[in-house]
Amino acid sequence: MRIIKNDFKVTREHSVWFNKKNIEVMGTFHTAALLRNPNNLSYARENLKKL
């Protein structure tokens, strides 16, 4: 969150690319969060495909 922006919300802004100091960064779900909520697995897979 601190790297991307202070009000970053992974549930709303996952898979969105941000440019920070000429480096492209993208937020995605933490693996522990996916274990707690497997409904987000499809989103995480799509995020990894974008990488």
Foldseek 3Di string as FASTA:
>chain_A
DVQQDDPDDQVPFALPWDADPNDTDGDHDDPVVCVVPVVCVVVRVVSVVVD
